[in-house]
Protein backbone atom coordinates (compact mmCIF):
# COMPACT_ATOMS: atom_id res chain seq x y z
CA MET A 1 0.00 -0.03 -0.25
CA ASN A 2 1.28 3.41 -0.78
CA ASN A 3 0.05 5.82 1.91
CA ARG A 4 1.39 9.40 2.49
CA ILE A 5 0.66 12.66 4.25
CA ALA A 6 1.94 16.27 3.53
CA LEU A 7 3.06 18.17 6.40
CA THR A 8 3.74 22.03 7.01
CA ASN A 9 4.80 24.25 9.61
CA MET A 10 1.13 25.62 11.29
CA TYR A 11 2.93 29.26 11.06
CA LYS A 12 4.81 29.27 8.12
CA ARG A 13 2.07 27.64 5.50
CA THR A 14 3.25 28.24 1.97
CA GLU A 15 3.38 25.91 -1.09
CA ASP A 16 7.18 25.51 -0.97
CA ASN A 17 7.11 24.55 2.98
CA ILE A 18 5.51 21.23 2.36
CA ILE A 19 7.39 17.68 2.94
CA TRP A 20 5.54 14.47 2.18
CA LEU A 21 6.04 11.34 4.37
CA ASP A 22 5.40 8.17 3.27
CA LEU A 23 3.10 5.95 6.18
CA PRO A 24 4.46 4.72 8.21
CA PHE A 25 7.39 6.77 8.67
CA LEU A 26 10.32 6.27 11.12
CA ASP A 27 10.81 8.64 14.12
CA SER A 28 14.08 9.75 12.33
CA GLU A 29 11.99 10.50 9.07
CA LEU A 30 9.33 12.93 11.17
CA GLU A 31 12.09 14.51 12.97
CA GLU A 32 13.96 15.43 9.84
CA ALA A 33 10.63 16.60 8.51
CA LEU A 34 9.90 18.50 11.50
CA GLU A 35 13.33 20.19 11.29
CA THR A 36 13.26 21.00 7.71
CA LEU A 37 9.71 22.85 8.14
CA GLY A 38 11.10 24.52 11.05
CA CYS A 39 8.68 23.11 13.68
CA GLU A 40 9.52 23.42 17.44
CA ASP A 41 7.96 19.75 17.91
CA VAL A 42 5.04 17.85 16.51
CA THR A 43 2.43 20.29 17.83
CA THR A 44 3.34 22.77 15.49
CA ALA A 45 2.85 20.55 12.20
CA VAL A 46 -0.30 19.96 10.41
CA ILE A 47 -1.35 17.71 7.81
CA VAL A 48 -2.09 19.48 4.93
CA ASP A 49 -3.03 16.84 2.03
CA SER A 50 -2.95 12.98 1.96
CA GLU A 51 -2.87 10.10 -0.26
CA ILE A 52 -4.45 7.08 1.67
CA GLU A 53 -5.53 3.86 -0.43
CA LEU A 54 -8.05 2.71 2.24
CA ASP A 55 -11.45 3.96 1.27
CA ASP A 56 -13.00 6.55 3.42
CA TYR A 57 -10.03 7.07 5.72
CA GLU A 58 -10.09 10.37 6.98
CA ILE A 59 -7.35 12.54 7.96
CA THR A 60 -7.71 16.34 9.09
CA GLU A 61 -4.98 18.93 10.07
CA ASP A 62 -6.12 17.44 13.64
CA THR A 63 -5.02 13.94 13.43
CA ASP A 64 -2.73 12.70 15.90
CA LEU A 65 0.49 11.92 14.18
CA GLU A 66 1.64 8.94 16.16
CA LYS A 67 -1.70 7.63 16.22
CA LEU A 68 -1.90 7.82 12.60
CA ASN A 69 1.72 6.29 12.33
CA ASN A 70 0.89 3.45 14.39
CA PHE A 71 -2.25 2.35 12.53
CA PHE A 72 -0.46 2.57 9.15
CA GLU A 73 2.58 0.29 10.70
CA SER A 74 -0.41 -2.22 11.85
CA VAL A 75 -1.53 -1.95 8.19
CA ALA A 76 1.51 -2.35 6.56
CA ASN A 77 2.15 -5.60 8.49
CA ILE A 78 -0.63 -6.99 6.55
CA ASP A 79 0.88 -7.85 3.25
CA ASP A 80 -1.54 -10.70 1.82
CA ASN A 81 -4.40 -9.21 -0.12
CA ASP A 82 -6.69 -11.78 1.19
CA GLU A 83 -5.96 -10.31 4.77
CA ILE A 84 -6.48 -6.85 3.49
CA ASP A 85 -9.82 -8.01 2.14
CA ARG A 86 -10.78 -9.29 5.68
CA LEU A 87 -9.75 -5.89 7.03
CA GLU A 88 -11.92 -4.13 4.52
CA ALA A 89 -14.79 -6.46 4.96
CA ILE A 90 -14.67 -5.50 8.53
CA TYR A 91 -14.55 -2.22 8.24
CA GLU A 92 -17.58 -2.17 6.29
CA VAL A 93 -19.57 -3.45 8.84
CA GLU A 94 -17.76 -1.44 11.64
CA LYS A 95 -17.64 1.92 9.33
CA ASP A 96 -14.44 2.70 11.57
CA TRP A 97 -10.94 2.06 10.58
CA ASN A 98 -9.46 1.93 13.97
CA THR A 99 -12.26 -0.28 15.28
CA ALA A 100 -11.92 -2.65 12.16
CA LEU A 101 -8.04 -2.97 13.03
CA ALA A 102 -8.82 -3.87 16.61
CA ILE A 103 -11.35 -6.48 15.61
CA TYR A 104 -9.03 -8.09 12.71
CA ASP A 105 -6.23 -8.05 15.55
CA ASP A 106 -7.96 -9.86 18.33
CA GLY A 107 -9.54 -12.49 15.62
CA ASP A 108 -13.03 -11.64 16.85
CA TYR A 109 -14.81 -12.44 13.61
CA GLU A 110 -15.48 -15.20 10.91
CA PHE A 111 -14.53 -14.65 7.35
CA TYR A 112 -15.70 -16.35 4.29
CA ALA A 113 -14.16 -15.14 1.04
CA ASN A 114 -16.12 -14.83 -2.16
CA SER A 115 -19.49 -16.25 -0.42
CA ASP A 116 -23.07 -15.49 0.02
CA LEU A 117 -24.95 -16.59 2.86
CA GLU A 118 -26.12 -19.51 0.72
CA GLU A 119 -22.71 -20.78 0.05
CA VAL A 120 -21.69 -20.30 3.98
CA ALA A 121 -24.68 -22.25 5.05
CA GLU A 122 -23.46 -25.17 2.81
CA GLU A 123 -20.01 -24.78 4.20
CA LEU A 124 -21.22 -24.90 7.85
CA VAL A 125 -23.29 -28.02 6.99
CA ASP A 126 -20.19 -29.68 5.46
CA GLU A 127 -18.09 -28.74 8.85
CA GLY A 128 -20.26 -30.62 10.73
CA LEU A 129 -22.17 -27.54 12.57
CA PHE A 130 -25.38 -29.17 12.06
CA GLY A 131 -23.97 -32.49 13.41
CA GLU A 132 -23.09 -35.63 10.88
CA VAL A 133 -25.45 -35.46 7.62
CA SER A 134 -25.14 -38.09 5.04
CA ASP A 135 -24.73 -37.30 1.54
CA ASN A 136 -27.69 -38.84 0.38
CA LEU A 137 -29.54 -36.27 3.02
CA LYS A 138 -27.78 -32.99 1.57
CA CYS A 139 -29.75 -32.78 -1.53
CA TYR A 140 -32.94 -32.00 0.84
CA ILE A 141 -31.41 -29.54 3.13
CA ASP A 142 -32.83 -25.86 2.14
CA TYR A 143 -29.38 -24.07 2.19
CA GLU A 144 -31.23 -20.72 1.36
CA ALA A 145 -33.23 -20.81 4.39
CA ILE A 146 -30.29 -21.85 6.91
CA GLY A 147 -28.73 -18.50 4.92
CA LYS A 148 -31.43 -16.43 5.90
CA ASP A 149 -31.12 -17.55 9.32
CA LEU A 150 -27.65 -16.88 9.55
CA GLY A 151 -27.90 -13.36 8.38
CA HIS A 152 -30.15 -12.90 11.69
CA ASP A 153 -27.12 -14.57 13.66
CA GLY A 154 -24.66 -11.61 12.88
CA TYR A 155 -23.46 -13.05 9.42
CA ILE A 156 -23.09 -10.19 6.99
CA GLU A 157 -22.70 -9.87 3.61
CA THR A 158 -20.27 -7.21 2.45
CA GLU A 159 -19.92 -5.20 -0.97
CA ASN A 160 -17.24 -7.70 -2.32
CA GLY A 161 -19.30 -10.57 -1.43
CA HIS A 162 -17.39 -11.73 1.61
CA VAL A 163 -19.37 -12.88 4.51
CA ILE A 164 -18.20 -11.99 8.43
CA ARG A 165 -19.53 -12.42 11.58
CA ILE A 166 -18.13 -10.12 14.20
CA PHE A 167 -18.60 -11.45 17.96
């Protein structure tokens, strides 16, 4: 993921006094940027622009740089596209990136990639959630009805077809 922010000195806002920092950044990179901008410390630096690949991730002038960097350090450690899909699906349900990351990190969810609730129902029957069901009886199971019930039990289809259940 390529994410970055533009910083400037809150007392010297000009177009030529902006530094872009990739997220996550090292402490030394931030210190160097602050020095170049003439900032006494992080409290006199403000974010004036950003390029973020996560949908709806909002950054303002008041965004805490340390918390922002910690978040993107955690996201940077997720290097598998399937795992990013999981995080994005959780975000779609929670509508808050920090909450989504906490749920992802804690593992407090179930995830079914590229599924709908009927497919999840079939998978749960195959896994034995309803006990041992012989193959000759599986053709009589109403997976659509089970899928509807799963929807009432907290299973949610997200925009990209992933189904999750958050505990």
